[in-house]
C-alpha atoms as a PDB file:
ATOM      1  CA  MET A   1    -132.810 143.177  38.489  1.00  0.00           C
ATOM      2  CA  PRO A   2    -133.515 143.108  42.784  1.00  0.00           C
ATOM      3  CA  LYS A   3    -130.677 142.739  45.038  1.00  0.00           C
ATOM      4  CA  SER A   4    -129.407 139.664  46.819  1.00  0.00           C
ATOM      5  CA  ASP A   5    -131.151 140.907  50.254  1.00  0.00           C
ATOM      6  CA  GLU A   6    -134.407 142.054  48.204  1.00  0.00           C
ATOM      7  CA  LEU A   7    -134.637 138.414  47.465  1.00  0.00           C
ATOM      8  CA  ASP A   8    -133.440 136.760  50.627  1.00  0.00           C
ATOM      9  CA  ARG A   9    -136.263 138.815  52.422  1.00  0.00           C
ATOM     10  CA  VAL A  10    -138.625 137.826  49.793  1.00  0.00           C
ATOM     11  CA  GLN A  11    -138.102 134.091  50.117  1.00  0.00           C
ATOM     12  CA  GLN A  12    -137.604 134.254  53.848  1.00  0.00           C
ATOM     13  CA  ARG A  13    -140.856 136.087  54.386  1.00  0.00           C
ATOM     14  CA  LEU A  14    -141.898 132.912  51.510  1.00  0.00           C
ATOM     15  CA  GLU A  15    -140.605 130.445  54.239  1.00  0.00           C
ATOM     16  CA  SER A  16    -142.791 132.522  56.615  1.00  0.00           C
ATOM     17  CA  LEU A  17    -145.927 132.468  54.802  1.00  0.00           C
ATOM     18  CA  GLU A  18    -145.384 128.127  53.292  1.00  0.00           C
ATOM     19  CA  ILE A  19    -144.975 127.636  57.529  1.00  0.00           C
ATOM     20  CA  LYS A  20    -147.903 129.566  58.313  1.00  0.00           C
ATOM     21  CA  ALA A  21    -149.821 127.598  56.060  1.00  0.00           C
ATOM     22  CA  SER A  22    -148.952 124.264  56.998  1.00  0.00           C
ATOM     23  CA  PHE A  23    -149.886 124.794  60.557  1.00  0.00           C
ATOM     24  CA  THR A  24    -152.935 126.165  59.323  1.00  0.00           C
ATOM     25  CA  GLU A  25    -153.636 123.193  57.292  1.00  0.00           C
ATOM     26  CA  ASP A  26    -152.611 121.037  60.481  1.00  0.00           C
ATOM     27  CA  LEU A  27    -155.287 123.209  62.803  1.00  0.00           C
ATOM     28  CA  LEU A  28    -158.046 122.784  60.209  1.00  0.00           C
ATOM     29  CA  ASP A  29    -157.699 119.282  60.235  1.00  0.00           C
ATOM     30  CA  GLN A  30    -157.583 118.577  63.842  1.00  0.00           C
ATOM     31  CA  LEU A  31    -160.392 120.930  64.106  1.00  0.00           C
ATOM     32  CA  ASN A  32    -162.712 118.589  61.511  1.00  0.00           C
ATOM     33  CA  MET A  33    -161.525 115.720  63.463  1.00  0.00           C
ATOM     34  CA  THR A  34    -163.095 117.179  66.935  1.00  0.00           C
ATOM     35  CA  ILE A  35    -166.184 118.690  64.599  1.00  0.00           C
ATOM     36  CA  TYR A  36    -166.811 114.898  63.384  1.00  0.00           C
ATOM     37  CA  GLN A  37    -166.099 113.285  67.139  1.00  0.00           C
ATOM     38  CA  GLN A  38    -168.875 116.124  67.788  1.00  0.00           C
ATOM     39  CA  GLN A  39    -171.580 114.981  65.354  1.00  0.00           C
ATOM     40  CA  GLN A  40    -170.517 111.198  66.662  1.00  0.00           C
ATOM     41  CA  LEU A  41    -171.509 111.639  69.920  1.00  0.00           C
ATOM     42  CA  ILE A  42    -174.841 113.585  69.278  1.00  0.00           C
ATOM     43  CA  GLU A  43    -176.000 111.479  67.341  1.00  0.00           C
ATOM     44  CA  ARG A  44    -175.233 108.932  69.827  1.00  0.00           C
ATOM     45  CA  LEU A  45    -176.906 111.255  72.573  1.00  0.00           C
ATOM     46  CA  VAL A  46    -179.708 112.136  69.863  1.00  0.00           C
ATOM     47  CA  THR A  47    -180.793 108.139  70.441  1.00  0.00           C
ATOM     48  CA  GLU A  48    -180.354 107.711  73.475  1.00  0.00           C
ATOM     49  CA  VAL A  49    -182.570 110.564  74.407  1.00  0.00           C
ATOM     50  CA  LYS A  50    -185.580 108.287  72.218  1.00  0.00           C
ATOM     51  CA  GLN A  51    -184.499 105.186  73.564  1.00  0.00           C
ATOM     52  CA  LEU A  52    -185.396 107.011  76.741  1.00  0.00           C
ATOM     53  CA  LYS A  53    -188.760 108.728  75.957  1.00  0.00           C
ATOM     54  CA  GLN A  54    -189.912 105.804  74.902  1.00  0.00           C
ATOM     55  CA  GLN A  55    -189.575 104.312  78.342  1.00  0.00           C
ATOM     56  CA  VAL A  56    -191.235 106.864  80.040  1.00  0.00           C
ATOM     57  CA  PRO A  57    -195.217 105.774  80.271  1.00  0.00           C
ATOM     58  CA  ASP A  58    -197.626 107.798  78.511  1.00  0.00           C
ATOM     59  CA  GLY A  59    -195.166 109.133  76.155  1.00  0.00           C
ATOM     60  CA  GLY A  60    -193.483 111.024  78.660  1.00  0.00           C
ATOM     61  CA  SER A  61    -196.548 113.636  78.628  1.00  0.00           C
ATOM     62  CA  GLY A  62    -195.317 115.629  82.188  1.00  0.00           C
ATOM     63  CA  GLY A  63    -198.622 116.248  82.881  1.00  0.00           C
ATOM     64  CA  THR A  64    -199.961 117.847  86.411  1.00  0.00           C
ATOM     65  CA  ARG A  65    -199.056 115.290  88.665  1.00  0.00           C
ATOM     66  CA  ASN A  66    -200.371 114.506  92.411  1.00  0.00           C
ATOM     67  CA  LEU A  67    -198.150 114.128  95.073  1.00  0.00           C
ATOM     68  CA  ARG A  68    -200.958 112.414  97.146  1.00  0.00           C
ATOM     69  CA  ASP A  69    -200.554 109.835  94.210  1.00  0.00           C
ATOM     70  CA  GLU A  70    -197.031 108.979  94.934  1.00  0.00           C
ATOM     71  CA  LEU A  71    -197.123 108.673  98.800  1.00  0.00           C
ATOM     72  CA  PRO A  72    -196.243 105.462  99.963  1.00  0.00           C
ATOM     73  CA  PRO A  73    -199.287 103.339 100.942  1.00  0.00           C
ATOM     74  CA  HIS A  74    -198.641 103.550 104.959  1.00  0.00           C
ATOM     75  CA  TYR A  75    -199.819 107.467 104.852  1.00  0.00           C
END
């Protein structure tokens, strides 16, 4: 039979592992929530970018611009 002090050490190690597992589960839950929130933000930003692209004339083509065409009429 194992000695009493061996049982105590095994018990302490088991408790330590249980505590670490608990902290790990909590951290995993926090990380999952962070990922979920980031995904929601990404989806909102993608939608916003699509809406902004629709608002840009000529489909948003960044073709060459002539700066003279952009001069105010008094020039």
